[in-house]
Amino acid sequence: MNRTKAIELLTDIISCSDRKNKLQGKEFYKTALKILKDENTSENELRILYRSFCGYLAHGDFTDVEYAKINLLVDHLES
């Protein structure tokens, strides 16, 4: 997994949500960012985060741009 790229994408998603005053996912994104920034995060925790984002993608309501960014983030978490 490329943590640096995942952190950059997630930071961008949070910024976009803040600019558009969107509440959906805001706390989830911030928690995910903390997990990614923590160097002591285990592989199991990263797998759980990946699964959480997959479920979030399946049930969330996103703009096309937001969906594309989250999809890229999932790709980075998967690898």
C-alpha atoms as a PDB file:
ATOM      1  CA  MET A   1       0.000   0.000   0.000  1.00  0.00           C
ATOM      2  CA  ASN A   2       1.180   3.467  -0.795  1.00  0.00           C
ATOM      3  CA  ARG A   3       0.322   5.245   2.462  1.00  0.00           C
ATOM      4  CA  THR A   4       1.609   8.597   1.278  1.00  0.00           C
ATOM      5  CA  LYS A   5      -0.664   8.589  -1.769  1.00  0.00           C
ATOM      6  CA  ALA A   6      -3.606   7.327   0.289  1.00  0.00           C
ATOM      7  CA  ILE A   7      -3.079  10.109   2.845  1.00  0.00           C
ATOM      8  CA  GLU A   8      -2.895  12.713   0.060  1.00  0.00           C
ATOM      9  CA  LEU A   9      -6.133  11.465  -1.503  1.00  0.00           C
ATOM     10  CA  LEU A  10      -7.941  11.321   1.810  1.00  0.00           C
ATOM     11  CA  THR A  11      -6.759  14.826   2.732  1.00  0.00           C
ATOM     12  CA  ASP A  12      -8.076  16.064  -0.621  1.00  0.00           C
ATOM     13  CA  ILE A  13     -11.425  14.317  -0.067  1.00  0.00           C
ATOM     14  CA  ILE A  14     -11.729  15.919   3.385  1.00  0.00           C
ATOM     15  CA  SER A  15     -10.895  19.355   1.952  1.00  0.00           C
ATOM     16  CA  CYS A  16     -13.527  18.971  -0.767  1.00  0.00           C
ATOM     17  CA  SER A  17     -16.115  17.887   1.808  1.00  0.00           C
ATOM     18  CA  ASP A  18     -15.274  20.879   3.982  1.00  0.00           C
ATOM     19  CA  ARG A  19     -15.544  23.311   1.057  1.00  0.00           C
ATOM     20  CA  LYS A  20     -18.926  21.890   0.048  1.00  0.00           C
ATOM     21  CA  ASN A  21     -20.055  21.718   3.678  1.00  0.00           C
ATOM     22  CA  LYS A  22     -20.844  18.010   3.298  1.00  0.00           C
ATOM     23  CA  LEU A  23     -21.326  16.080   6.498  1.00  0.00           C
ATOM     24  CA  GLN A  24     -21.536  12.603   4.957  1.00  0.00           C
ATOM     25  CA  GLY A  25     -18.418  10.669   5.757  1.00  0.00           C
ATOM     26  CA  LYS A  26     -16.593  13.541   7.410  1.00  0.00           C
ATOM     27  CA  GLU A  27     -15.907  11.741  10.707  1.00  0.00           C
ATOM     28  CA  PHE A  28     -15.167   8.487   8.876  1.00  0.00           C
ATOM     29  CA  TYR A  29     -12.619  10.256   6.676  1.00  0.00           C
ATOM     30  CA  LYS A  30     -10.937  11.906   9.665  1.00  0.00           C
ATOM     31  CA  THR A  31     -10.734   8.607  11.564  1.00  0.00           C
ATOM     32  CA  ALA A  32      -9.316   6.886   8.478  1.00  0.00           C
ATOM     33  CA  LEU A  33      -6.709   9.632   8.152  1.00  0.00           C
ATOM     34  CA  LYS A  34      -5.593   9.085  11.755  1.00  0.00           C
ATOM     35  CA  ILE A  35      -5.266   5.355  11.095  1.00  0.00           C
ATOM     36  CA  LEU A  36      -3.208   5.920   7.952  1.00  0.00           C
ATOM     37  CA  LYS A  37      -0.907   8.430   9.629  1.00  0.00           C
ATOM     38  CA  ASP A  38      -0.227   6.111  12.575  1.00  0.00           C
ATOM     39  CA  GLU A  39       2.986   4.202  11.843  1.00  0.00           C
ATOM     40  CA  ASN A  40       1.957   1.535  14.364  1.00  0.00           C
ATOM     41  CA  THR A  41      -1.195   0.587  12.451  1.00  0.00           C
ATOM     42  CA  SER A  42      -1.221  -3.161  11.868  1.00  0.00           C
ATOM     43  CA  GLU A  43      -1.872  -4.871   8.544  1.00  0.00           C
ATOM     44  CA  ASN A  44      -5.117  -6.203   9.994  1.00  0.00           C
ATOM     45  CA  GLU A  45      -6.286  -2.670  10.836  1.00  0.00           C
ATOM     46  CA  LEU A  46      -5.475  -1.587   7.276  1.00  0.00           C
ATOM     47  CA  ARG A  47      -7.493  -4.519   5.881  1.00  0.00           C
ATOM     48  CA  ILE A  48     -10.421  -3.498   8.067  1.00  0.00           C
ATOM     49  CA  LEU A  49     -10.087   0.084   6.821  1.00  0.00           C
ATOM     50  CA  TYR A  50     -10.074  -1.193   3.225  1.00  0.00           C
ATOM     51  CA  ARG A  51     -13.247  -3.202   3.866  1.00  0.00           C
ATOM     52  CA  SER A  52     -14.885  -0.217   5.538  1.00  0.00           C
ATOM     53  CA  PHE A  53     -14.214   1.968   2.494  1.00  0.00           C
ATOM     54  CA  CYS A  54     -15.562  -0.754   0.165  1.00  0.00           C
ATOM     55  CA  GLY A  55     -18.792  -0.862   2.168  1.00  0.00           C
ATOM     56  CA  TYR A  56     -18.921   2.905   2.274  1.00  0.00           C
ATOM     57  CA  LEU A  57     -18.614   3.045  -1.517  1.00  0.00           C
ATOM     58  CA  ALA A  58     -21.457   0.567  -1.880  1.00  0.00           C
ATOM     59  CA  HIS A  59     -23.883   2.522   0.286  1.00  0.00           C
ATOM     60  CA  GLY A  60     -22.834   6.177   0.163  1.00  0.00           C
ATOM     61  CA  ASP A  61     -24.148   9.040  -1.922  1.00  0.00           C
ATOM     62  CA  PHE A  62     -21.294  10.713  -3.807  1.00  0.00           C
ATOM     63  CA  THR A  63     -20.578  13.146  -6.575  1.00  0.00           C
ATOM     64  CA  ASP A  64     -18.757  11.638  -9.540  1.00  0.00           C
ATOM     65  CA  VAL A  65     -15.512  13.336  -8.495  1.00  0.00           C
ATOM     66  CA  GLU A  66     -15.794  12.191  -4.891  1.00  0.00           C
ATOM     67  CA  TYR A  67     -16.594   8.643  -6.005  1.00  0.00           C
ATOM     68  CA  ALA A  68     -13.553   8.572  -8.290  1.00  0.00           C
ATOM     69  CA  LYS A  69     -11.243   9.801  -5.513  1.00  0.00           C
ATOM     70  CA  ILE A  70     -12.573   7.287  -2.995  1.00  0.00           C
ATOM     71  CA  ASN A  71     -12.254   4.545  -5.582  1.00  0.00           C
ATOM     72  CA  LEU A  72      -8.593   5.508  -6.097  1.00  0.00           C
ATOM     73  CA  LEU A  73      -8.110   5.499  -2.332  1.00  0.00           C
ATOM     74  CA  VAL A  74      -9.544   1.975  -2.159  1.00  0.00           C
ATOM     75  CA  ASP A  75      -7.093   0.919  -4.880  1.00  0.00           C
ATOM     76  CA  HIS A  76      -4.207   2.276  -2.815  1.00  0.00           C
ATOM     77  CA  LEU A  77      -5.452   0.532   0.319  1.00  0.00           C
ATOM     78  CA  GLU A  78      -5.830  -2.727  -1.565  1.00  0.00           C
ATOM     79  CA  SER A  79      -2.302  -2.840  -2.954  1.00  0.00           C
END
